[in-house]
Amino acid sequence: MLRTRAVVVAAAIASVLIGGCASQTSQAPISQPESVAAKPATKPATAAAPKPAPKTTSKAVPPVAGKPAPAAPASKPAAPRVAAAAAPAKLDLHALKEQLKATKAIGVFTKISLKNQVDDLMQQFGDYYQGKSKLTMADLRRSYNLLMMKVLTLLQDEDKPLASAIVSSREAIWSLLANPTTFATLQT
């Protein structure tokens, strides 16, 4: 029971850490088209007003109710893309725990060490919710992030699918830990 809880928390922490690392390194700025990004920044903002699109002689078809309007001409800059990870994925702590147990990317002694660190973090959360701790939620978040970073560092080169799964679960796991009600369910 204690081992299972520790592995679940380690999986949660690993996912948080991977998410932080992946989001900082894999996203490139995409909000401006290359032609806009290449222009010098010293040009005054009022110097060039956007030119109106040329008028066409064909009549525009009004949009049908319930359907979106046709796409704007290519002269307007595209809206920034939203990352696919914006939609929350369903969290499966049991599967993450089993994958962490089975991975060969982390050695046996390191897994034991991580389990002990997870147990310590769980104890800190328990003490916090019982009013026995001087730690703040920010301190607990910092500890959680450090533990997740450690797990992700161990996984990132040799078990990329597990690292990705942990990254995508990072915030969901934190929300379980940061809520006293859901945290109590993890303790049983």
N, C-alpha and C. Protein backbone atom coordinates (compact mmCIF):
# COMPACT_ATOMS: atom_id res chain seq x y z
N MET A 1 0.83 -1.18 0.00
CA MET A 1 0.00 0.00 0.00
C MET A 1 0.87 1.25 0.00
N LEU A 2 1.86 1.25 0.88
CA LEU A 2 2.75 2.40 0.96
C LEU A 2 3.57 2.54 -0.30
N ARG A 3 4.02 1.41 -0.85
CA ARG A 3 4.79 1.45 -2.08
C ARG A 3 3.95 1.97 -3.23
N THR A 4 2.70 1.51 -3.30
CA THR A 4 1.81 1.93 -4.36
C THR A 4 1.58 3.43 -4.30
N ARG A 5 1.31 3.94 -3.11
CA ARG A 5 1.08 5.37 -2.95
C ARG A 5 2.32 6.16 -3.36
N ALA A 6 3.47 5.67 -2.99
CA ALA A 6 4.70 6.37 -3.32
C ALA A 6 4.94 6.39 -4.82
N VAL A 7 4.66 5.29 -5.48
CA VAL A 7 4.86 5.25 -6.92
C VAL A 7 3.86 6.16 -7.62
N VAL A 8 2.64 6.21 -7.10
CA VAL A 8 1.63 7.10 -7.69
C VAL A 8 2.08 8.54 -7.57
N VAL A 9 2.55 8.91 -6.42
CA VAL A 9 3.00 10.28 -6.22
C VAL A 9 4.24 10.55 -7.07
N ALA A 10 5.12 9.58 -7.17
CA ALA A 10 6.30 9.77 -8.01
C ALA A 10 5.89 9.97 -9.45
N ALA A 11 4.89 9.22 -9.89
CA ALA A 11 4.40 9.40 -11.25
C ALA A 11 3.81 10.79 -11.42
N ALA A 12 3.10 11.22 -10.42
CA ALA A 12 2.51 12.55 -10.47
C ALA A 12 3.59 13.61 -10.52
N ILE A 13 4.56 13.46 -9.71
CA ILE A 13 5.64 14.43 -9.66
C ILE A 13 6.42 14.42 -10.95
N ALA A 14 6.65 13.24 -11.46
CA ALA A 14 7.38 13.14 -12.72
C ALA A 14 6.61 13.84 -13.83
N SER A 15 5.29 13.68 -13.84
CA SER A 15 4.52 14.32 -14.89
C SER A 15 4.57 15.84 -14.78
N VAL A 16 4.59 16.33 -13.58
CA VAL A 16 4.67 17.78 -13.39
C VAL A 16 5.99 18.31 -13.90
N LEU A 17 7.02 17.61 -13.57
CA LEU A 17 8.35 18.08 -13.97
C LEU A 17 8.54 18.00 -15.46
N ILE A 18 8.08 16.95 -16.06
CA ILE A 18 8.23 16.81 -17.50
C ILE A 18 7.46 17.91 -18.21
N GLY A 19 6.30 18.21 -17.71
CA GLY A 19 5.49 19.27 -18.31
C GLY A 19 6.20 20.60 -18.28
N GLY A 20 6.82 20.91 -17.18
CA GLY A 20 7.55 22.17 -17.07
C GLY A 20 8.72 22.22 -18.01
N CYS A 21 9.44 21.12 -18.13
CA CYS A 21 10.61 21.09 -19.01
C CYS A 21 10.19 21.13 -20.46
N ALA A 22 9.18 20.35 -20.80
CA ALA A 22 8.77 20.26 -22.19
C ALA A 22 8.16 21.56 -22.66
N SER A 23 7.38 22.20 -21.80
CA SER A 23 6.73 23.42 -22.25
C SER A 23 7.73 24.55 -22.42
N GLN A 24 8.83 24.52 -21.72
CA GLN A 24 9.80 25.59 -21.85
C GLN A 24 10.72 25.38 -23.04
N THR A 25 10.95 24.15 -23.45
CA THR A 25 11.91 23.92 -24.51
C THR A 25 11.29 23.65 -25.86
N SER A 26 10.06 23.14 -25.90
CA SER A 26 9.53 22.72 -27.18
C SER A 26 8.67 23.76 -27.87
N GLN A 27 8.26 24.79 -27.19
CA GLN A 27 7.39 25.75 -27.83
C GLN A 27 8.20 26.89 -28.43
N ALA A 28 7.89 27.18 -29.67
CA ALA A 28 8.54 28.29 -30.35
C ALA A 28 7.50 29.39 -30.53
N PRO A 29 7.91 30.63 -30.51
CA PRO A 29 6.93 31.69 -30.71
C PRO A 29 6.31 31.59 -32.09
N ILE A 30 5.01 31.57 -32.15
CA ILE A 30 4.33 31.43 -33.43
C ILE A 30 3.27 32.50 -33.62
N SER A 31 3.27 33.50 -32.76
CA SER A 31 2.20 34.49 -32.81
C SER A 31 2.36 35.47 -33.96
N GLN A 32 3.54 35.63 -34.52
CA GLN A 32 3.73 36.57 -35.61
C GLN A 32 4.22 35.83 -36.85
N PRO A 33 3.68 36.17 -38.01
CA PRO A 33 4.20 35.59 -39.24
C PRO A 33 5.65 36.03 -39.45
N GLU A 34 6.37 35.29 -40.24
CA GLU A 34 7.79 35.59 -40.47
C GLU A 34 7.98 36.99 -41.04
N SER A 35 7.09 37.42 -41.93
CA SER A 35 7.25 38.73 -42.53
C SER A 35 7.12 39.83 -41.49
N VAL A 36 6.27 39.65 -40.49
CA VAL A 36 6.11 40.65 -39.44
C VAL A 36 7.29 40.59 -38.49
N ALA A 37 7.75 39.39 -38.16
CA ALA A 37 8.86 39.24 -37.23
C ALA A 37 10.16 39.77 -37.81
N ALA A 38 10.30 39.75 -39.14
CA ALA A 38 11.54 40.18 -39.77
C ALA A 38 11.65 41.70 -39.85
N LYS A 39 10.53 42.43 -39.69
CA LYS A 39 10.58 43.89 -39.78
C LYS A 39 11.29 44.46 -38.57
N PRO A 40 12.04 45.54 -38.75
CA PRO A 40 12.74 46.14 -37.62
C PRO A 40 11.75 46.74 -36.63
N ALA A 41 12.11 46.69 -35.36
CA ALA A 41 11.24 47.17 -34.30
C ALA A 41 11.28 48.69 -34.16
N THR A 42 12.19 49.38 -34.85
CA THR A 42 12.35 50.82 -34.71
C THR A 42 11.32 51.61 -35.50
N LYS A 43 10.56 50.96 -36.33
CA LYS A 43 9.57 51.64 -37.15
C LYS A 43 8.40 52.07 -36.27
N PRO A 44 7.95 53.33 -36.36
CA PRO A 44 6.83 53.79 -35.53
C PRO A 44 5.56 52.99 -35.84
N ALA A 45 4.74 52.81 -34.83
CA ALA A 45 3.53 52.02 -34.98
C ALA A 45 2.51 52.71 -35.88
N THR A 46 2.53 54.04 -35.95
CA THR A 46 1.54 54.76 -36.74
C THR A 46 2.01 55.05 -38.15
N ALA A 47 3.21 54.69 -38.50
CA ALA A 47 3.77 55.03 -39.80
C ALA A 47 3.07 54.30 -40.94
N ALA A 48 2.71 53.06 -40.75
CA ALA A 48 2.11 52.31 -41.84
C ALA A 48 0.77 51.76 -41.40
N ALA A 49 -0.27 52.23 -42.03
CA ALA A 49 -1.60 51.70 -41.74
C ALA A 49 -1.85 50.52 -42.67
N PRO A 50 -2.56 49.50 -42.21
CA PRO A 50 -2.81 48.35 -43.08
C PRO A 50 -3.65 48.78 -44.27
N LYS A 51 -3.29 48.25 -45.42
CA LYS A 51 -4.00 48.58 -46.65
C LYS A 51 -5.27 47.74 -46.73
N PRO A 52 -6.36 48.35 -47.18
CA PRO A 52 -7.59 47.56 -47.31
C PRO A 52 -7.44 46.53 -48.43
N ALA A 53 -8.15 45.44 -48.28
CA ALA A 53 -8.10 44.38 -49.28
C ALA A 53 -8.75 44.88 -50.57
N PRO A 54 -8.22 44.48 -51.73
CA PRO A 54 -8.79 44.94 -52.99
C PRO A 54 -10.24 44.43 -53.13
N LYS A 55 -11.08 45.29 -53.70
CA LYS A 55 -12.48 44.93 -53.88
C LYS A 55 -12.60 43.96 -55.05
N THR A 56 -13.47 43.01 -54.87
CA THR A 56 -13.71 42.05 -55.94
C THR A 56 -15.08 42.33 -56.54
N THR A 57 -15.26 41.92 -57.77
CA THR A 57 -16.52 42.19 -58.45
C THR A 57 -17.55 41.10 -58.19
N SER A 58 -17.13 39.95 -57.71
CA SER A 58 -18.10 38.89 -57.46
C SER A 58 -18.82 39.16 -56.15
N LYS A 59 -20.06 38.72 -56.07
CA LYS A 59 -20.84 38.93 -54.87
C LYS A 59 -20.47 37.87 -53.84
N ALA A 60 -20.34 38.30 -52.61
CA ALA A 60 -20.03 37.36 -51.53
C ALA A 60 -21.31 36.66 -51.12
N VAL A 61 -21.18 35.39 -50.86
CA VAL A 61 -22.31 34.59 -50.42
C VAL A 61 -22.43 34.76 -48.91
N PRO A 62 -23.61 35.14 -48.40
CA PRO A 62 -23.74 35.29 -46.95
C PRO A 62 -23.61 33.93 -46.26
N PRO A 63 -23.05 33.90 -45.06
CA PRO A 63 -22.89 32.64 -44.38
C PRO A 63 -24.23 32.03 -43.99
N VAL A 64 -24.29 30.73 -44.04
CA VAL A 64 -25.49 30.01 -43.67
C VAL A 64 -25.53 29.92 -42.15
N ALA A 65 -26.70 30.02 -41.56
CA ALA A 65 -26.83 29.97 -40.10
C ALA A 65 -26.26 28.66 -39.58
N GLY A 66 -25.46 28.75 -38.54
CA GLY A 66 -24.89 27.55 -37.93
C GLY A 66 -23.54 27.18 -38.52
N LYS A 67 -23.16 27.76 -39.64
CA LYS A 67 -21.86 27.46 -40.25
C LYS A 67 -20.97 28.69 -40.11
N PRO A 68 -19.67 28.48 -39.93
CA PRO A 68 -18.77 29.62 -39.81
C PRO A 68 -18.62 30.35 -41.14
N ALA A 69 -18.29 31.61 -41.05
CA ALA A 69 -18.06 32.42 -42.24
C ALA A 69 -16.83 31.91 -42.97
N PRO A 70 -16.74 32.16 -44.28
CA PRO A 70 -15.57 31.71 -45.02
C PRO A 70 -14.30 32.37 -44.47
N ALA A 71 -13.18 31.74 -44.71
CA ALA A 71 -11.90 32.22 -44.20
C ALA A 71 -11.56 33.57 -44.81
N ALA A 72 -10.88 34.39 -44.04
CA ALA A 72 -10.47 35.71 -44.49
C ALA A 72 -9.35 35.57 -45.52
N PRO A 73 -9.14 36.59 -46.33
CA PRO A 73 -8.05 36.54 -47.31
C PRO A 73 -6.70 36.35 -46.61
N ALA A 74 -5.74 35.87 -47.36
CA ALA A 74 -4.42 35.55 -46.82
C ALA A 74 -3.66 36.79 -46.37
N SER A 75 -4.14 37.99 -46.67
CA SER A 75 -3.40 39.19 -46.31
C SER A 75 -3.44 39.47 -44.81
N LYS A 76 -4.43 38.90 -44.08
CA LYS A 76 -4.49 39.11 -42.64
C LYS A 76 -3.60 38.11 -41.93
N PRO A 77 -2.93 38.53 -40.85
CA PRO A 77 -2.08 37.59 -40.14
C PRO A 77 -2.93 36.51 -39.46
N ALA A 78 -2.39 35.32 -39.42
CA ALA A 78 -3.11 34.19 -38.82
C ALA A 78 -3.11 34.33 -37.30
N ALA A 79 -4.15 33.81 -36.69
CA ALA A 79 -4.24 33.82 -35.23
C ALA A 79 -3.25 32.80 -34.67
N PRO A 80 -2.71 33.04 -33.48
CA PRO A 80 -1.77 32.09 -32.90
C PRO A 80 -2.43 30.73 -32.67
N ARG A 81 -1.65 29.68 -32.90
CA ARG A 81 -2.16 28.34 -32.69
C ARG A 81 -2.20 28.03 -31.20
N VAL A 82 -3.18 27.26 -30.82
CA VAL A 82 -3.30 26.81 -29.44
C VAL A 82 -2.69 25.41 -29.36
N ALA A 83 -1.89 25.18 -28.35
CA ALA A 83 -1.24 23.88 -28.21
C ALA A 83 -2.27 22.78 -28.05
N ALA A 84 -1.98 21.62 -28.60
CA ALA A 84 -2.89 20.48 -28.51
C ALA A 84 -3.03 20.00 -27.07
N ALA A 85 -2.07 20.29 -26.24
CA ALA A 85 -2.11 19.84 -24.86
C ALA A 85 -3.01 20.71 -24.00
N ALA A 86 -3.65 21.72 -24.58
CA ALA A 86 -4.51 22.60 -23.81
C ALA A 86 -5.72 21.85 -23.26
N ALA A 87 -6.19 20.85 -23.99
CA ALA A 87 -7.30 20.06 -23.50
C ALA A 87 -6.78 19.07 -22.46
N PRO A 88 -7.37 19.07 -21.26
CA PRO A 88 -6.87 18.18 -20.23
C PRO A 88 -7.13 16.72 -20.57
N ALA A 89 -6.12 15.92 -20.41
CA ALA A 89 -6.25 14.50 -20.65
C ALA A 89 -6.73 13.82 -19.37
N LYS A 90 -7.37 12.67 -19.53
CA LYS A 90 -7.83 11.93 -18.37
C LYS A 90 -6.62 11.37 -17.64
N LEU A 91 -6.61 11.55 -16.33
CA LEU A 91 -5.49 11.13 -15.51
C LEU A 91 -5.69 9.69 -15.07
N ASP A 92 -4.69 8.85 -15.31
CA ASP A 92 -4.72 7.46 -14.87
C ASP A 92 -3.49 7.22 -14.01
N LEU A 93 -3.64 7.49 -12.71
CA LEU A 93 -2.51 7.36 -11.80
C LEU A 93 -2.01 5.92 -11.71
N HIS A 94 -2.93 4.99 -11.76
CA HIS A 94 -2.53 3.58 -11.66
C HIS A 94 -1.62 3.19 -12.83
N ALA A 95 -1.99 3.60 -14.04
CA ALA A 95 -1.17 3.28 -15.21
C ALA A 95 0.21 3.95 -15.12
N LEU A 96 0.25 5.21 -14.67
CA LEU A 96 1.54 5.89 -14.52
C LEU A 96 2.41 5.17 -13.49
N LYS A 97 1.78 4.77 -12.40
CA LYS A 97 2.51 4.06 -11.34
C LYS A 97 3.12 2.76 -11.88
N GLU A 98 2.32 2.01 -12.63
CA GLU A 98 2.81 0.75 -13.19
C GLU A 98 3.93 0.98 -14.20
N GLN A 99 3.80 2.02 -14.99
CA GLN A 99 4.85 2.33 -15.97
C GLN A 99 6.14 2.75 -15.28
N LEU A 100 6.02 3.50 -14.18
CA LEU A 100 7.22 3.88 -13.43
C LEU A 100 7.88 2.67 -12.80
N LYS A 101 7.08 1.73 -12.31
CA LYS A 101 7.63 0.51 -11.73
C LYS A 101 8.37 -0.30 -12.79
N ALA A 102 7.81 -0.35 -14.00
CA ALA A 102 8.34 -1.21 -15.05
C ALA A 102 9.48 -0.59 -15.86
N THR A 103 9.63 0.71 -15.82
CA THR A 103 10.64 1.34 -16.68
C THR A 103 12.05 0.90 -16.33
N LYS A 104 12.84 0.74 -17.35
CA LYS A 104 14.25 0.38 -17.15
C LYS A 104 15.13 1.63 -17.18
N ALA A 105 14.52 2.78 -17.38
CA ALA A 105 15.27 4.03 -17.42
C ALA A 105 15.73 4.45 -16.03
N ILE A 106 15.07 3.93 -14.99
CA ILE A 106 15.43 4.27 -13.62
C ILE A 106 15.84 2.98 -12.91
N GLY A 107 17.01 3.02 -12.29
CA GLY A 107 17.52 1.85 -11.58
C GLY A 107 16.75 1.57 -10.30
N VAL A 108 16.95 0.38 -9.75
CA VAL A 108 16.23 -0.07 -8.56
C VAL A 108 16.50 0.84 -7.37
N PHE A 109 17.75 1.14 -7.11
CA PHE A 109 18.08 1.98 -5.96
C PHE A 109 17.56 3.40 -6.12
N THR A 110 17.57 3.89 -7.33
CA THR A 110 17.03 5.22 -7.59
C THR A 110 15.52 5.23 -7.39
N LYS A 111 14.85 4.15 -7.79
CA LYS A 111 13.41 4.05 -7.57
C LYS A 111 13.10 4.05 -6.08
N ILE A 112 13.90 3.36 -5.30
CA ILE A 112 13.71 3.34 -3.85
C ILE A 112 13.90 4.74 -3.27
N SER A 113 14.93 5.42 -3.73
CA SER A 113 15.18 6.79 -3.28
C SER A 113 14.02 7.71 -3.63
N LEU A 114 13.51 7.59 -4.86
CA LEU A 114 12.37 8.41 -5.29
C LEU A 114 11.13 8.10 -4.45
N LYS A 115 10.93 6.83 -4.14
CA LYS A 115 9.79 6.43 -3.31
C LYS A 115 9.87 7.10 -1.95
N ASN A 116 11.06 7.12 -1.36
CA ASN A 116 11.24 7.77 -0.06
C ASN A 116 10.97 9.27 -0.15
N GLN A 117 11.40 9.90 -1.25
CA GLN A 117 11.16 11.33 -1.42
C GLN A 117 9.68 11.62 -1.61
N VAL A 118 9.00 10.73 -2.32
CA VAL A 118 7.56 10.88 -2.51
C VAL A 118 6.84 10.73 -1.17
N ASP A 119 7.25 9.74 -0.39
CA ASP A 119 6.66 9.55 0.95
C ASP A 119 6.86 10.79 1.81
N ASP A 120 8.04 11.36 1.75
CA ASP A 120 8.32 12.58 2.52
C ASP A 120 7.41 13.73 2.07
N LEU A 121 7.25 13.88 0.76
CA LEU A 121 6.40 14.94 0.24
C LEU A 121 4.94 14.72 0.65
N MET A 122 4.50 13.48 0.59
CA MET A 122 3.13 13.17 1.01
C MET A 122 2.95 13.49 2.50
N GLN A 123 3.96 13.20 3.29
CA GLN A 123 3.90 13.51 4.72
C GLN A 123 3.83 15.02 4.93
N GLN A 124 4.59 15.78 4.14
CA GLN A 124 4.56 17.24 4.24
C GLN A 124 3.17 17.78 3.90
N PHE A 125 2.54 17.21 2.86
CA PHE A 125 1.19 17.63 2.52
C PHE A 125 0.23 17.30 3.66
N GLY A 126 0.35 16.10 4.22
CA GLY A 126 -0.51 15.70 5.33
C GLY A 126 -0.36 16.63 6.51
N ASP A 127 0.88 16.95 6.86
CA ASP A 127 1.14 17.87 7.97
C ASP A 127 0.57 19.26 7.67
N TYR A 128 0.69 19.70 6.43
CA TYR A 128 0.18 21.01 6.04
C TYR A 128 -1.34 21.07 6.24
N TYR A 129 -2.03 20.03 5.77
CA TYR A 129 -3.49 20.02 5.89
C TYR A 129 -3.97 19.85 7.32
N GLN A 130 -3.14 19.28 8.18
CA GLN A 130 -3.49 19.11 9.59
C GLN A 130 -3.06 20.31 10.43
N GLY A 131 -2.40 21.27 9.80
CA GLY A 131 -1.95 22.47 10.50
C GLY A 131 -0.70 22.24 11.34
N LYS A 132 0.03 21.18 11.07
CA LYS A 132 1.23 20.84 11.84
C LYS A 132 2.51 21.35 11.18
N SER A 133 2.41 21.98 10.04
CA SER A 133 3.59 22.35 9.27
C SER A 133 3.71 23.87 9.15
N LYS A 134 4.94 24.33 9.11
CA LYS A 134 5.20 25.75 8.87
C LYS A 134 5.36 26.03 7.37
N LEU A 135 5.35 24.97 6.56
CA LEU A 135 5.48 25.13 5.11
C LEU A 135 4.23 25.79 4.54
N THR A 136 4.43 26.53 3.46
CA THR A 136 3.30 27.13 2.74
C THR A 136 3.00 26.28 1.52
N MET A 137 1.88 26.57 0.87
CA MET A 137 1.54 25.85 -0.35
C MET A 137 2.60 26.12 -1.43
N ALA A 138 3.17 27.31 -1.43
CA ALA A 138 4.24 27.63 -2.39
C ALA A 138 5.47 26.76 -2.13
N ASP A 139 5.78 26.50 -0.85
CA ASP A 139 6.91 25.62 -0.52
C ASP A 139 6.63 24.20 -1.00
N LEU A 140 5.40 23.75 -0.81
CA LEU A 140 5.03 22.40 -1.25
C LEU A 140 5.09 22.31 -2.77
N ARG A 141 4.66 23.35 -3.45
CA ARG A 141 4.72 23.34 -4.92
C ARG A 141 6.16 23.29 -5.40
N ARG A 142 7.03 24.01 -4.73
CA ARG A 142 8.44 24.01 -5.08
C ARG A 142 9.03 22.61 -4.90
N SER A 143 8.71 21.96 -3.80
CA SER A 143 9.20 20.60 -3.55
C SER A 143 8.65 19.64 -4.60
N TYR A 144 7.39 19.80 -4.92
CA TYR A 144 6.74 18.96 -5.94
C TYR A 144 7.43 19.15 -7.29
N ASN A 145 7.67 20.40 -7.66
CA ASN A 145 8.33 20.67 -8.95
C ASN A 145 9.74 20.09 -9.00
N LEU A 146 10.48 20.20 -7.91
CA LEU A 146 11.84 19.65 -7.88
C LEU A 146 11.83 18.14 -8.02
N LEU A 147 10.91 17.48 -7.33
CA LEU A 147 10.82 16.03 -7.43
C LEU A 147 10.41 15.60 -8.83
N MET A 148 9.47 16.32 -9.42
CA MET A 148 9.06 16.01 -10.79
C MET A 148 10.21 16.22 -11.77
N MET A 149 10.97 17.27 -11.56
CA MET A 149 12.11 17.53 -12.43
C MET A 149 13.13 16.39 -12.34
N LYS A 150 13.33 15.90 -11.14
CA LYS A 150 14.26 14.80 -10.94
C LYS A 150 13.80 13.56 -11.70
N VAL A 151 12.52 13.24 -11.59
CA VAL A 151 11.98 12.07 -12.29
C VAL A 151 12.08 12.25 -13.80
N LEU A 152 11.73 13.41 -14.27
CA LEU A 152 11.78 13.66 -15.71
C LEU A 152 13.20 13.62 -16.24
N THR A 153 14.14 14.08 -15.46
CA THR A 153 15.53 14.03 -15.87
C THR A 153 15.97 12.59 -16.05
N LEU A 154 15.51 11.73 -15.18
CA LEU A 154 15.85 10.31 -15.27
C LEU A 154 15.20 9.64 -16.48
N LEU A 155 14.03 10.09 -16.86
CA LEU A 155 13.27 9.44 -17.93
C LEU A 155 13.49 10.02 -19.31
N GLN A 156 13.87 11.26 -19.42
CA GLN A 156 13.81 11.99 -20.68
C GLN A 156 14.57 11.36 -21.84
N ASP A 157 15.66 10.68 -21.58
CA ASP A 157 16.43 10.12 -22.68
C ASP A 157 16.07 8.67 -23.00
N GLU A 158 15.72 7.90 -21.98
CA GLU A 158 15.53 6.47 -22.19
C GLU A 158 14.08 6.01 -22.22
N ASP A 159 13.14 6.80 -21.75
CA ASP A 159 11.72 6.41 -21.76
C ASP A 159 10.87 7.64 -22.09
N LYS A 160 10.98 8.09 -23.33
CA LYS A 160 10.29 9.31 -23.75
C LYS A 160 8.76 9.20 -23.68
N PRO A 161 8.17 8.04 -24.00
CA PRO A 161 6.70 7.95 -23.88
C PRO A 161 6.23 8.15 -22.44
N LEU A 162 6.91 7.57 -21.48
CA LEU A 162 6.54 7.74 -20.08
C LEU A 162 6.77 9.19 -19.64
N ALA A 163 7.87 9.75 -20.08
CA ALA A 163 8.14 11.15 -19.75
C ALA A 163 7.03 12.05 -20.29
N SER A 164 6.58 11.78 -21.49
CA SER A 164 5.50 12.56 -22.10
C SER A 164 4.20 12.38 -21.33
N ALA A 165 3.92 11.17 -20.92
CA ALA A 165 2.70 10.90 -20.16
C ALA A 165 2.72 11.63 -18.82
N ILE A 166 3.88 11.68 -18.21
CA ILE A 166 4.00 12.37 -16.92
C ILE A 166 3.86 13.87 -17.12
N VAL A 167 4.44 14.39 -18.18
CA VAL A 167 4.31 15.82 -18.47
C VAL A 167 2.84 16.20 -18.66
N SER A 168 2.11 15.40 -19.39
CA SER A 168 0.71 15.72 -19.65
C SER A 168 -0.16 15.58 -18.41
N SER A 169 0.31 14.85 -17.41
CA SER A 169 -0.46 14.64 -16.18
C SER A 169 -0.02 15.56 -15.05
N ARG A 170 0.97 16.34 -15.28
CA ARG A 170 1.60 17.13 -14.22
C ARG A 170 0.63 18.00 -13.45
N GLU A 171 -0.13 18.83 -14.13
CA GLU A 171 -1.05 19.74 -13.45
C GLU A 171 -2.21 19.00 -12.81
N ALA A 172 -2.66 17.92 -13.43
CA ALA A 172 -3.75 17.14 -12.84
C ALA A 172 -3.31 16.51 -11.52
N ILE A 173 -2.09 16.05 -11.47
CA ILE A 173 -1.57 15.46 -10.23
C ILE A 173 -1.43 16.54 -9.17
N TRP A 174 -0.93 17.71 -9.56
CA TRP A 174 -0.79 18.80 -8.59
C TRP A 174 -2.17 19.18 -8.04
N SER A 175 -3.17 19.22 -8.90
CA SER A 175 -4.50 19.60 -8.42
C SER A 175 -5.04 18.58 -7.42
N LEU A 176 -4.67 17.31 -7.58
CA LEU A 176 -5.06 16.29 -6.59
C LEU A 176 -4.37 16.54 -5.26
N LEU A 177 -3.10 16.88 -5.31
CA LEU A 177 -2.34 17.11 -4.09
C LEU A 177 -2.72 18.42 -3.41
N ALA A 178 -3.02 19.44 -4.19
CA ALA A 178 -3.29 20.76 -3.64
C ALA A 178 -4.70 20.90 -3.06
N ASN A 179 -5.55 19.95 -3.31
CA ASN A 179 -6.91 19.98 -2.79
C ASN A 179 -6.99 19.04 -1.59
N PRO A 180 -7.34 19.52 -0.40
CA PRO A 180 -7.35 18.65 0.78
C PRO A 180 -8.31 17.47 0.66
N THR A 181 -9.41 17.65 -0.04
CA THR A 181 -10.37 16.56 -0.19
C THR A 181 -9.81 15.44 -1.06
N THR A 182 -9.25 15.81 -2.21
CA THR A 182 -8.70 14.77 -3.10
C THR A 182 -7.41 14.20 -2.53
N PHE A 183 -6.67 15.00 -1.78
CA PHE A 183 -5.47 14.49 -1.14
C PHE A 183 -5.83 13.38 -0.13
N ALA A 184 -6.92 13.58 0.59
CA ALA A 184 -7.35 12.58 1.57
C ALA A 184 -7.68 11.25 0.90
N THR A 185 -8.20 11.30 -0.33
CA THR A 185 -8.51 10.06 -1.04
C THR A 185 -7.24 9.34 -1.47
N LEU A 186 -6.16 10.08 -1.68
CA LEU A 186 -4.88 9.45 -2.05
C LEU A 186 -4.26 8.75 -0.86
N GLN A 187 -4.59 9.17 0.33
CA GLN A 187 -4.01 8.62 1.56
C GLN A 187 -4.58 7.25 1.91
N THR A 188 -5.75 6.93 1.42
CA THR A 188 -6.38 5.65 1.79
C THR A 188 -5.89 4.51 0.98
